[in-house]
Amino acid sequence: MAITASSGGGGDFEVVPIGTHRAICYKLVDAGTREEKFKDEEPKKRHTIFLFFELPDLRTAKDQPFSIFKQYTLSLNENSALHKDLKSWRGRSFTEEELKSFDMSNILGVSCDLEVEHTAGGRAKIVSIFKPDGGAKKVATTNDPVMFDLEDYCLEFSGESCDKSKEMCDVFEGLPNFLCEMIEQSFEMAAAHSKGRKAEEPKGLAAMAKMPKTVEVPDGDFDDDIPF
């Protein structure tokens, strides 16, 4: 299935420095839908995705490219962060047709420029994404380009296991723990588990075989002292 659209990195590792850096998107993760409350707003259902970028010009102590991610609500509403960043990255507006269904997998392996700042706690965060000099292009990445498709992953638990769902299980195993927890707590996973349980319920003759048998009581006298 395709992921279509109708914060920053951190942890006990080296932090991406402040500044503008050349980057390539190498991972897209659909983390599903949850009910979230922001400040004084009423709780709302939000479908969340994460974009991961590698920074080829910045190397860690292990000589790997730095990595950073940004969290988005999966929406191309003109006021959404995803709409604004993709528009800036592409260097052009969306067509009406693209706004109806934009295949997010198109951005995997595509170059861009990232503006990075640090939070008060010292974590790196992406504040802007830009079209790079010469335009955004498909380029090779050090990390294997990968997309976690939640819809395919859910098939493994809804009684519809297939090659795609098993492939997503492998991708899931390589995700950070916080993302695995978000995915497992999503409404999509709850629905998949519910569907899977129903699919396992016996039907027809099998269901009848599991029904409790009626106990026939033989005729005869009973002791009046039996307390039931």
C-alpha atoms as a PDB file:
ATOM      1  CA  MET A   1       0.000   0.000   0.000  1.00  0.00           C
ATOM      2  CA  ALA A   2       1.122   3.581  -0.578  1.00  0.00           C
ATOM      3  CA  ILE A   3       1.297   6.235   2.128  1.00  0.00           C
ATOM      4  CA  THR A   4      -0.522   9.235   0.747  1.00  0.00           C
ATOM      5  CA  ALA A   5      -1.169  12.639   2.255  1.00  0.00           C
ATOM      6  CA  SER A   6      -4.951  14.188   1.375  1.00  0.00           C
ATOM      7  CA  SER A   7      10.437  16.571  16.044  1.00  0.00           C
ATOM      8  CA  GLY A   8      13.783  16.586  15.912  1.00  0.00           C
ATOM      9  CA  GLY A   9      16.425  13.977  16.726  1.00  0.00           C
ATOM     10  CA  GLY A  10      17.920  13.412  20.137  1.00  0.00           C
ATOM     11  CA  GLY A  11      19.149  10.772  22.530  1.00  0.00           C
ATOM     12  CA  ASP A  12      22.491   9.627  23.873  1.00  0.00           C
ATOM     13  CA  PHE A  13      24.456  10.287  20.702  1.00  0.00           C
ATOM     14  CA  GLU A  14      26.215  13.060  18.853  1.00  0.00           C
ATOM     15  CA  VAL A  15      23.971  16.030  18.103  1.00  0.00           C
ATOM     16  CA  VAL A  16      23.625  17.571  14.656  1.00  0.00           C
ATOM     17  CA  PRO A  17      25.202  21.053  14.816  1.00  0.00           C
ATOM     18  CA  ILE A  18      23.228  24.246  14.283  1.00  0.00           C
ATOM     19  CA  GLY A  19      23.200  25.489  10.686  1.00  0.00           C
ATOM     20  CA  THR A  20      22.068  24.641   7.166  1.00  0.00           C
ATOM     21  CA  HIS A  21      23.066  21.179   5.991  1.00  0.00           C
ATOM     22  CA  ARG A  22      22.783  19.135   2.825  1.00  0.00           C
ATOM     23  CA  ALA A  23      20.480  16.169   3.455  1.00  0.00           C
ATOM     24  CA  ILE A  24      18.748  13.192   1.849  1.00  0.00           C
ATOM     25  CA  CYS A  25      15.484  11.614   2.996  1.00  0.00           C
ATOM     26  CA  TYR A  26      16.116   7.919   3.601  1.00  0.00           C
ATOM     27  CA  LYS A  27      13.241   6.747   5.791  1.00  0.00           C
ATOM     28  CA  LEU A  28       9.494   7.351   5.996  1.00  0.00           C
ATOM     29  CA  VAL A  29       7.486   5.930   8.899  1.00  0.00           C
ATOM     30  CA  ASP A  30       3.703   5.882   9.250  1.00  0.00           C
ATOM     31  CA  ALA A  31       3.168   5.880  13.023  1.00  0.00           C
ATOM     32  CA  GLY A  32      -0.631   5.752  12.801  1.00  0.00           C
ATOM     33  CA  THR A  33      -3.465   7.653  14.450  1.00  0.00           C
ATOM     34  CA  ARG A  34      -3.891   8.562  18.096  1.00  0.00           C
ATOM     35  CA  GLU A  35      -5.994  11.004  20.061  1.00  0.00           C
ATOM     36  CA  GLU A  36      -3.739  13.847  21.161  1.00  0.00           C
ATOM     37  CA  LYS A  37      -4.256  17.002  23.177  1.00  0.00           C
ATOM     38  CA  PHE A  38      -2.197  20.127  22.470  1.00  0.00           C
ATOM     39  CA  LYS A  39      -2.155  22.840  25.123  1.00  0.00           C
ATOM     40  CA  ASP A  40      -5.743  24.024  25.739  1.00  0.00           C
ATOM     41  CA  GLU A  41      -7.222  22.464  22.602  1.00  0.00           C
ATOM     42  CA  GLU A  42      -9.835  19.727  22.681  1.00  0.00           C
ATOM     43  CA  PRO A  43      -8.379  16.247  22.062  1.00  0.00           C
ATOM     44  CA  LYS A  44      -8.137  15.469  18.344  1.00  0.00           C
ATOM     45  CA  LYS A  45      -7.283  12.421  16.285  1.00  0.00           C
ATOM     46  CA  ARG A  46      -3.979  12.945  14.501  1.00  0.00           C
ATOM     47  CA  HIS A  47      -2.335  10.703  11.929  1.00  0.00           C
ATOM     48  CA  THR A  48       1.425  10.995  12.432  1.00  0.00           C
ATOM     49  CA  ILE A  49       4.354  10.304  10.131  1.00  0.00           C
ATOM     50  CA  PHE A  50       8.117  10.708  10.582  1.00  0.00           C
ATOM     51  CA  LEU A  51      10.668  11.680   7.936  1.00  0.00           C
ATOM     52  CA  PHE A  52      14.307  10.691   8.534  1.00  0.00           C
ATOM     53  CA  PHE A  53      17.232  12.399   6.840  1.00  0.00           C
ATOM     54  CA  GLU A  54      20.915  11.596   6.580  1.00  0.00           C
ATOM     55  CA  LEU A  55      23.462  14.409   6.352  1.00  0.00           C
ATOM     56  CA  PRO A  56      26.267  13.211   4.043  1.00  0.00           C
ATOM     57  CA  ASP A  57      28.627  16.118   4.770  1.00  0.00           C
ATOM     58  CA  LEU A  58      28.581  15.535   8.536  1.00  0.00           C
ATOM     59  CA  ARG A  59      30.152  12.353   9.883  1.00  0.00           C
ATOM     60  CA  THR A  60      29.845  10.830  13.328  1.00  0.00           C
ATOM     61  CA  ALA A  61      32.750   9.426  15.328  1.00  0.00           C
ATOM     62  CA  LYS A  62      31.964   6.073  13.682  1.00  0.00           C
ATOM     63  CA  ASP A  63      32.254   7.698  10.231  1.00  0.00           C
ATOM     64  CA  GLN A  64      28.532   7.402   9.559  1.00  0.00           C
ATOM     65  CA  PRO A  65      26.422  10.299   8.264  1.00  0.00           C
ATOM     66  CA  PHE A  66      24.512  12.151  10.943  1.00  0.00           C
ATOM     67  CA  SER A  67      20.787  11.403  11.026  1.00  0.00           C
ATOM     68  CA  ILE A  68      17.855  13.565  12.084  1.00  0.00           C
ATOM     69  CA  PHE A  69      14.075  13.242  11.851  1.00  0.00           C
ATOM     70  CA  LYS A  70      10.979  15.397  11.931  1.00  0.00           C
ATOM     71  CA  GLN A  71       7.434  14.515  12.997  1.00  0.00           C
ATOM     72  CA  TYR A  72       4.403  15.614  10.985  1.00  0.00           C
ATOM     73  CA  THR A  73       0.640  15.292  10.931  1.00  0.00           C
ATOM     74  CA  LEU A  74      -0.247  13.486   7.692  1.00  0.00           C
ATOM     75  CA  SER A  75      -2.130  16.341   6.058  1.00  0.00           C
ATOM     76  CA  LEU A  76      -1.621  18.534   3.019  1.00  0.00           C
ATOM     77  CA  ASN A  77      -3.864  21.271   4.326  1.00  0.00           C
ATOM     78  CA  GLU A  78      -2.226  24.525   3.259  1.00  0.00           C
ATOM     79  CA  ASN A  79      -1.609  25.461   6.907  1.00  0.00           C
ATOM     80  CA  SER A  80       0.011  22.160   7.829  1.00  0.00           C
ATOM     81  CA  ALA A  81       3.743  21.854   8.481  1.00  0.00           C
ATOM     82  CA  LEU A  82       3.968  19.005   5.966  1.00  0.00           C
ATOM     83  CA  HIS A  83       2.436  21.140   3.199  1.00  0.00           C
ATOM     84  CA  LYS A  84       4.765  24.059   3.929  1.00  0.00           C
ATOM     85  CA  ASP A  85       7.935  21.947   4.105  1.00  0.00           C
ATOM     86  CA  LEU A  86       7.171  19.905   0.985  1.00  0.00           C
ATOM     87  CA  LYS A  87       6.299  23.046  -0.978  1.00  0.00           C
ATOM     88  CA  SER A  88       9.590  24.682   0.060  1.00  0.00           C
ATOM     89  CA  TRP A  89      11.502  21.462  -0.658  1.00  0.00           C
ATOM     90  CA  ARG A  90       9.969  21.042  -4.129  1.00  0.00           C
ATOM     91  CA  GLY A  91      10.250  24.719  -4.939  1.00  0.00           C
ATOM     92  CA  ARG A  92       6.740  24.775  -6.351  1.00  0.00           C
ATOM     93  CA  SER A  93       3.119  24.569  -5.255  1.00  0.00           C
ATOM     94  CA  PHE A  94       1.007  21.434  -5.343  1.00  0.00           C
ATOM     95  CA  THR A  95      -1.432  20.843  -8.175  1.00  0.00           C
ATOM     96  CA  GLU A  96      -5.078  20.178  -7.319  1.00  0.00           C
ATOM     97  CA  GLU A  97      -4.558  16.557  -8.306  1.00  0.00           C
ATOM     98  CA  GLU A  98      -1.519  16.194  -6.014  1.00  0.00           C
ATOM     99  CA  LEU A  99      -3.416  17.693  -3.092  1.00  0.00           C
ATOM    100  CA  LYS A 100      -6.024  14.933  -3.424  1.00  0.00           C
ATOM    101  CA  SER A 101      -3.465  12.123  -3.199  1.00  0.00           C
ATOM    102  CA  PHE A 102       0.290  12.681  -2.960  1.00  0.00           C
ATOM    103  CA  ASP A 103       2.407   9.524  -2.774  1.00  0.00           C
ATOM    104  CA  MET A 104       4.844  10.224   0.063  1.00  0.00           C
ATOM    105  CA  SER A 105       7.218   7.478  -1.123  1.00  0.00           C
ATOM    106  CA  ASN A 106       8.252   9.872  -3.929  1.00  0.00           C
ATOM    107  CA  ILE A 107      10.465  11.783  -1.474  1.00  0.00           C
ATOM    108  CA  LEU A 108      12.607   8.781  -0.484  1.00  0.00           C
ATOM    109  CA  GLY A 109      16.177   9.255  -1.695  1.00  0.00           C
ATOM    110  CA  VAL A 110      15.547  12.893  -2.621  1.00  0.00           C
ATOM    111  CA  SER A 111      18.039  15.626  -1.682  1.00  0.00           C
ATOM    112  CA  CYS A 112      17.233  18.832   0.197  1.00  0.00           C
ATOM    113  CA  ASP A 113      18.740  21.444   2.510  1.00  0.00           C
ATOM    114  CA  LEU A 114      17.823  21.435   6.208  1.00  0.00           C
ATOM    115  CA  GLU A 115      18.010  24.313   8.651  1.00  0.00           C
ATOM    116  CA  VAL A 116      18.779  22.891  12.097  1.00  0.00           C
ATOM    117  CA  GLU A 117      18.501  24.582  15.472  1.00  0.00           C
ATOM    118  CA  HIS A 118      18.845  23.325  19.043  1.00  0.00           C
ATOM    119  CA  THR A 119      16.136  23.190  21.684  1.00  0.00           C
ATOM    120  CA  ALA A 120      16.641  24.513  25.215  1.00  0.00           C
ATOM    121  CA  GLY A 121      17.476  20.939  26.184  1.00  0.00           C
ATOM    122  CA  GLY A 122      20.216  20.681  23.572  1.00  0.00           C
ATOM    123  CA  ARG A 123      18.368  18.487  21.073  1.00  0.00           C
ATOM    124  CA  ALA A 124      18.691  19.136  17.358  1.00  0.00           C
ATOM    125  CA  LYS A 125      15.488  19.955  15.485  1.00  0.00           C
ATOM    126  CA  ILE A 126      14.627  20.679  11.867  1.00  0.00           C
ATOM    127  CA  VAL A 127      13.068  24.126  11.539  1.00  0.00           C
ATOM    128  CA  SER A 128      13.011  24.418   7.738  1.00  0.00           C
ATOM    129  CA  ILE A 129      13.447  22.321   4.599  1.00  0.00           C
ATOM    130  CA  PHE A 130      14.573  23.949   1.336  1.00  0.00           C
ATOM    131  CA  LYS A 131      15.087  23.127  -2.297  1.00  0.00           C
ATOM    132  CA  PRO A 132      18.867  22.682  -2.715  1.00  0.00           C
ATOM    133  CA  ASP A 133      20.995  24.502  -5.271  1.00  0.00           C
ATOM    134  CA  GLY A 134      20.482  22.795  -8.601  1.00  0.00           C
ATOM    135  CA  GLY A 135      17.117  21.394  -7.498  1.00  0.00           C
ATOM    136  CA  ALA A 136      15.996  18.361  -5.539  1.00  0.00           C
ATOM    137  CA  LYS A 137      17.303  15.138  -7.072  1.00  0.00           C
ATOM    138  CA  LYS A 138      17.253  11.413  -6.429  1.00  0.00           C
ATOM    139  CA  VAL A 139      20.678  10.513  -5.043  1.00  0.00           C
ATOM    140  CA  ALA A 140      22.340   7.508  -3.451  1.00  0.00           C
ATOM    141  CA  THR A 141      22.150   7.163   0.327  1.00  0.00           C
ATOM    142  CA  THR A 142      24.410   5.444   2.842  1.00  0.00           C
ATOM    143  CA  ASN A 143      21.361   4.123   4.713  1.00  0.00           C
ATOM    144  CA  ASP A 144      19.040   1.857   2.760  1.00  0.00           C
ATOM    145  CA  PRO A 145      15.932   3.831   1.712  1.00  0.00           C
ATOM    146  CA  VAL A 146      12.991   2.304   3.568  1.00  0.00           C
ATOM    147  CA  MET A 147       9.310   3.009   4.150  1.00  0.00           C
ATOM    148  CA  PHE A 148       7.274   1.592   7.018  1.00  0.00           C
ATOM    149  CA  ASP A 149       3.719   1.180   5.712  1.00  0.00           C
ATOM    150  CA  LEU A 150       1.368   0.728   8.678  1.00  0.00           C
ATOM    151  CA  GLU A 151      -1.502  -0.463   6.497  1.00  0.00           C
ATOM    152  CA  ASP A 152       0.587  -3.377   5.235  1.00  0.00           C
ATOM    153  CA  TYR A 153       1.940  -4.094   8.740  1.00  0.00           C
ATOM    154  CA  CYS A 154      -1.596  -4.345  10.155  1.00  0.00           C
ATOM    155  CA  LEU A 155      -2.395  -7.183   7.742  1.00  0.00           C
ATOM    156  CA  GLU A 156      -0.116  -9.431   9.793  1.00  0.00           C
ATOM    157  CA  PHE A 157      -2.471  -9.054  12.781  1.00  0.00           C
ATOM    158  CA  SER A 158      -5.864  -8.877  11.078  1.00  0.00           C
ATOM    159  CA  GLY A 159      -5.750 -12.428   9.760  1.00  0.00           C
ATOM    160  CA  GLU A 160      -4.467 -11.380   6.313  1.00  0.00           C
ATOM    161  CA  SER A 161      -0.762 -12.184   6.585  1.00  0.00           C
ATOM    162  CA  CYS A 162       1.122 -11.879   3.283  1.00  0.00           C
ATOM    163  CA  ASP A 163       4.562 -11.117   1.867  1.00  0.00           C
ATOM    164  CA  LYS A 164       4.034  -7.350   2.293  1.00  0.00           C
ATOM    165  CA  SER A 165       3.010  -7.664   5.941  1.00  0.00           C
ATOM    166  CA  LYS A 166       6.009  -9.859   6.722  1.00  0.00           C
ATOM    167  CA  GLU A 167       8.306  -7.357   5.002  1.00  0.00           C
ATOM    168  CA  MET A 168       6.882  -4.605   7.223  1.00  0.00           C
ATOM    169  CA  CYS A 169       7.472  -6.788  10.301  1.00  0.00           C
ATOM    170  CA  ASP A 170      11.169  -6.815   9.389  1.00  0.00           C
ATOM    171  CA  VAL A 171      11.158  -3.016   8.987  1.00  0.00           C
ATOM    172  CA  PHE A 172       9.342  -2.641  12.322  1.00  0.00           C
ATOM    173  CA  GLU A 173      12.107  -4.558  14.097  1.00  0.00           C
ATOM    174  CA  GLY A 174      14.614  -1.907  13.043  1.00  0.00           C
ATOM    175  CA  LEU A 175      12.616   1.124  14.236  1.00  0.00           C
ATOM    176  CA  PRO A 176      13.458   3.104  17.407  1.00  0.00           C
ATOM    177  CA  ASN A 177      11.612   1.940  20.520  1.00  0.00           C
ATOM    178  CA  PHE A 178       9.550   5.110  20.859  1.00  0.00           C
ATOM    179  CA  LEU A 179       8.195   4.646  17.333  1.00  0.00           C
ATOM    180  CA  CYS A 180       7.353   0.994  17.953  1.00  0.00           C
ATOM    181  CA  GLU A 181       5.363   2.058  21.020  1.00  0.00           C
ATOM    182  CA  MET A 182       3.498   4.749  19.077  1.00  0.00           C
ATOM    183  CA  ILE A 183       2.609   2.274  16.336  1.00  0.00           C
ATOM    184  CA  GLU A 184       1.418  -0.386  18.785  1.00  0.00           C
ATOM    185  CA  GLN A 185      -0.808   2.202  20.525  1.00  0.00           C
ATOM    186  CA  SER A 186      -2.406   3.435  17.297  1.00  0.00           C
ATOM    187  CA  PHE A 187      -6.088   3.078  16.416  1.00  0.00           C
ATOM    188  CA  GLU A 188      -5.040   1.190  13.277  1.00  0.00           C
ATOM    189  CA  MET A 189      -3.315  -1.532  15.295  1.00  0.00           C
ATOM    190  CA  ALA A 190      -6.254  -1.799  17.703  1.00  0.00           C
ATOM    191  CA  ALA A 191      -8.583  -2.329  14.735  1.00  0.00           C
ATOM    192  CA  ALA A 192      -6.249  -4.923  13.211  1.00  0.00           C
ATOM    193  CA  HIS A 193      -6.057  -6.936  16.443  1.00  0.00           C
ATOM    194  CA  SER A 194      -9.839  -6.774  16.810  1.00  0.00           C
ATOM    195  CA  LYS A 195     -10.336  -8.019  13.242  1.00  0.00           C
ATOM    196  CA  GLY A 196      -7.803 -10.760  13.813  1.00  0.00           C
ATOM    197  CA  ARG A 197      -9.592 -11.987  16.944  1.00  0.00           C
ATOM    198  CA  LYS A 198     -12.901 -12.114  15.083  1.00  0.00           C
ATOM    199  CA  ALA A 199     -11.280 -14.034  12.245  1.00  0.00           C
ATOM    200  CA  GLU A 200     -10.114 -16.656  14.752  1.00  0.00           C
ATOM    201  CA  GLU A 201     -13.580 -17.170  16.229  1.00  0.00           C
ATOM    202  CA  PRO A 202     -15.044 -20.566  15.209  1.00  0.00           C
ATOM    203  CA  LYS A 203     -17.967 -20.494  12.789  1.00  0.00           C
ATOM    204  CA  GLY A 204     -20.673 -22.879  11.655  1.00  0.00           C
ATOM    205  CA  LEU A 205     -20.241 -26.491  12.768  1.00  0.00           C
ATOM    206  CA  ALA A 206     -16.959 -25.623  14.483  1.00  0.00           C
ATOM    207  CA  ALA A 207     -18.738 -23.069  16.651  1.00  0.00           C
ATOM    208  CA  MET A 208     -21.486 -25.539  17.477  1.00  0.00           C
ATOM    209  CA  ALA A 209     -18.906 -28.104  18.514  1.00  0.00           C
ATOM    210  CA  LYS A 210     -17.467 -25.629  21.027  1.00  0.00           C
ATOM    211  CA  MET A 211     -20.864 -24.841  22.584  1.00  0.00           C
ATOM    212  CA  PRO A 212     -21.415 -26.263  26.064  1.00  0.00           C
ATOM    213  CA  LYS A 213     -23.379 -29.516  26.003  1.00  0.00           C
ATOM    214  CA  THR A 214     -26.795 -29.685  27.663  1.00  0.00           C
ATOM    215  CA  VAL A 215     -26.681 -31.917  30.723  1.00  0.00           C
ATOM    216  CA  GLU A 216     -29.634 -34.304  31.020  1.00  0.00           C
ATOM    217  CA  VAL A 217     -30.737 -34.964  34.588  1.00  0.00           C
ATOM    218  CA  PRO A 218     -32.090 -38.502  35.138  1.00  0.00           C
ATOM    219  CA  ASP A 219     -35.444 -38.984  36.837  1.00  0.00           C
ATOM    220  CA  GLY A 220     -35.315 -39.861  40.497  1.00  0.00           C
ATOM    221  CA  ASP A 221     -35.529 -38.589  44.037  1.00  0.00           C
ATOM    222  CA  PHE A 222     -32.964 -36.112  45.378  1.00  0.00           C
ATOM    223  CA  ASP A 223     -31.792 -35.405  48.867  1.00  0.00           C
ATOM    224  CA  ASP A 224     -33.593 -32.263  50.129  1.00  0.00           C
ATOM    225  CA  ASP A 225     -30.394 -31.251  51.956  1.00  0.00           C
ATOM    226  CA  ILE A 226     -28.572 -30.364  48.692  1.00  0.00           C
ATOM    227  CA  PRO A 227     -27.961 -26.600  49.041  1.00  0.00           C
ATOM    228  CA  PHE A 228     -28.661 -25.648  45.416  1.00  0.00           C
END
